[in-house]
Amino acid sequence: MKAIVAEWIARTEGDWNVAQREWRARRRPNYDAVCFHAQQCAEKYLKGRLSAGGADPPRIHDQLALLDAVAALEPELSPLREEMALLTVYAVRNRYPGDAATRDEAGRCIAALRRFRRQIRAVFRMDRGKRKRRPR
């Protein structure tokens, strides 16, 4: 894997971890952070895939435009437009006072990201060979 792609993936997994941690927080969860980091995770995965294909990813936050560019390389990701449309909103929406994300919005963002992440990780062949852990 190219160094730049590995860096994109490392950053995206950091966003995944923050989104998950805030979503599971029992005290004072930050739903704005859940939505923002879910958006960032998807954006960085898409940019990582463009980098893997030799492209210089554009400095945009529009997941639909990024998905269209990636779909030329990975057509199986095209059906994820609804998820990307939802997440695109949170690139800037909740970054300013006056508009806070709700628990329901955060839940929709996490669900959309999980669907997308499962597919994009398959593209990167990231989950091959992993065994499922048995419950204790």
Protein backbone atom coordinates (compact mmCIF):
# COMPACT_ATOMS: atom_id res chain seq x y z
CA MET A 1 0.00 0.00 0.00
CA LYS A 2 1.29 3.46 -0.88
CA ALA A 3 2.37 5.59 2.07
CA ILE A 4 -0.19 8.30 1.25
CA VAL A 5 -3.00 5.75 1.16
CA ALA A 6 -1.88 4.30 4.49
CA GLU A 7 -1.94 7.81 5.94
CA TRP A 8 -5.47 8.44 4.64
CA ILE A 9 -6.62 5.17 6.20
CA ALA A 10 -4.94 5.91 9.52
CA ARG A 11 -6.66 9.28 9.65
CA THR A 12 -10.01 7.85 8.66
CA GLU A 13 -9.81 5.17 11.32
CA GLY A 14 -9.09 7.92 13.86
CA ASP A 15 -12.33 9.63 12.83
CA TRP A 16 -14.14 6.28 13.05
CA ASN A 17 -12.87 5.81 16.60
CA VAL A 18 -13.94 9.29 17.71
CA ALA A 19 -17.41 8.90 16.16
CA GLN A 20 -17.86 5.51 17.85
CA ARG A 21 -16.58 6.73 21.21
CA GLU A 22 -18.92 9.73 21.25
CA TRP A 23 -21.86 7.65 20.03
CA ARG A 24 -21.36 5.20 22.92
CA ALA A 25 -20.72 7.87 25.56
CA ARG A 26 -23.17 7.56 28.42
CA ARG A 27 -22.44 10.93 29.94
CA ARG A 28 -22.55 14.07 27.85
CA PRO A 29 -22.27 12.54 24.36
CA ASN A 30 -21.32 15.05 21.69
CA TYR A 31 -23.70 14.33 18.79
CA ASP A 32 -22.16 17.12 16.72
CA ALA A 33 -18.84 15.27 16.96
CA VAL A 34 -20.49 11.97 16.00
CA CYS A 35 -21.93 13.49 12.83
CA PHE A 36 -18.80 15.46 11.92
CA HIS A 37 -16.39 12.56 12.42
CA ALA A 38 -18.72 10.19 10.56
CA GLN A 39 -18.59 12.62 7.63
CA GLN A 40 -14.83 12.96 7.91
CA CYS A 41 -14.33 9.20 8.03
CA ALA A 42 -16.27 8.69 4.79
CA GLU A 43 -14.58 11.64 3.10
CA LYS A 44 -11.09 10.42 3.93
CA TYR A 45 -11.83 6.86 2.80
CA LEU A 46 -12.99 8.23 -0.55
CA LYS A 47 -9.91 10.43 -0.85
CA GLY A 48 -7.74 7.48 0.11
CA ARG A 49 -9.25 5.41 -2.69
CA LEU A 50 -8.63 8.20 -5.17
CA SER A 51 -5.02 8.37 -3.98
CA ALA A 52 -4.68 4.60 -4.36
CA GLY A 53 -5.76 5.02 -7.97
CA GLY A 54 -3.09 7.65 -8.57
CA ALA A 55 -5.34 10.71 -8.40
CA ASP A 56 -4.72 13.80 -6.31
CA PRO A 57 -7.98 14.10 -4.33
CA PRO A 58 -9.75 17.44 -4.57
CA ARG A 59 -9.94 19.58 -1.44
CA ILE A 60 -13.71 19.39 -1.17
CA HIS A 61 -16.16 18.08 1.41
CA ASP A 62 -18.86 16.93 -1.02
CA GLN A 63 -19.17 13.19 -0.58
CA LEU A 64 -21.38 12.85 -3.65
CA ALA A 65 -18.74 14.40 -5.89
CA LEU A 66 -16.06 12.24 -4.29
CA LEU A 67 -18.22 9.13 -4.60
CA ASP A 68 -18.79 9.86 -8.30
CA ALA A 69 -15.03 10.07 -8.82
CA VAL A 70 -14.42 6.85 -6.88
CA ALA A 71 -17.32 5.03 -8.58
CA ALA A 72 -15.40 5.25 -11.85
CA LEU A 73 -12.85 2.97 -10.16
CA GLU A 74 -15.22 1.06 -7.90
CA PRO A 75 -18.73 0.92 -9.41
CA GLU A 76 -19.99 -1.27 -6.54
CA LEU A 77 -19.89 1.83 -4.32
CA SER A 78 -22.41 3.74 -6.48
CA PRO A 79 -25.46 2.53 -4.53
CA LEU A 80 -24.16 4.37 -1.46
CA ARG A 81 -25.31 7.78 -2.72
CA GLU A 82 -27.99 8.13 -0.05
CA GLU A 83 -25.45 7.56 2.71
CA MET A 84 -23.02 10.05 1.19
CA ALA A 85 -25.75 12.67 0.71
CA LEU A 86 -26.65 12.38 4.39
CA LEU A 87 -23.06 12.65 5.61
CA THR A 88 -22.12 15.56 3.33
CA VAL A 89 -24.44 17.84 5.31
CA TYR A 90 -22.32 17.42 8.44
CA ALA A 91 -19.06 18.67 6.94
CA VAL A 92 -19.93 22.17 8.11
CA ARG A 93 -23.51 22.28 9.40
CA ASN A 94 -22.83 21.67 13.07
CA ARG A 95 -19.50 23.46 13.22
CA TYR A 96 -21.15 26.78 14.12
CA PRO A 97 -23.51 27.88 16.89
CA GLY A 98 -27.23 27.71 16.37
CA ASP A 99 -27.58 24.22 14.92
CA ALA A 100 -26.84 21.17 17.04
CA ALA A 101 -27.15 17.54 15.99
CA THR A 102 -29.71 15.40 17.76
CA ARG A 103 -29.34 11.83 18.96
CA ASP A 104 -31.50 10.66 16.03
CA GLU A 105 -29.27 12.48 13.53
CA ALA A 106 -26.16 10.99 15.10
CA GLY A 107 -27.73 7.54 14.92
CA ARG A 108 -28.50 7.99 11.22
CA CYS A 109 -24.93 9.16 10.57
CA ILE A 110 -23.44 6.17 12.40
CA ALA A 111 -25.72 3.76 10.51
CA ALA A 112 -24.83 5.34 7.15
CA LEU A 113 -21.14 5.27 7.98
CA ARG A 114 -21.28 1.62 9.03
CA ARG A 115 -22.86 0.64 5.70
CA PHE A 116 -20.31 2.67 3.76
CA ARG A 117 -17.32 1.59 5.83
CA ARG A 118 -18.14 -2.10 5.40
CA GLN A 119 -18.12 -1.65 1.61
CA ILE A 120 -15.06 0.58 1.32
CA ARG A 121 -13.00 -1.65 3.62
CA ALA A 122 -13.82 -4.54 1.28
CA VAL A 123 -12.47 -2.42 -1.60
CA PHE A 124 -9.22 -1.96 0.32
CA ARG A 125 -9.31 -5.65 1.34
CA MET A 126 -8.89 -4.57 4.94
CA ASP A 127 -10.98 -7.24 6.64
CA ARG A 128 -9.58 -10.29 4.88
CA GLY A 129 -8.37 -13.01 7.17
CA LYS A 130 -9.87 -11.48 10.29
CA ARG A 131 -11.58 -13.99 12.49
CA LYS A 132 -14.67 -13.07 14.39
CA ARG A 133 -14.15 -13.14 18.11
CA ARG A 134 -16.27 -15.54 20.06
CA PRO A 135 -18.44 -14.01 22.77
CA ARG A 136 -17.12 -14.58 26.28
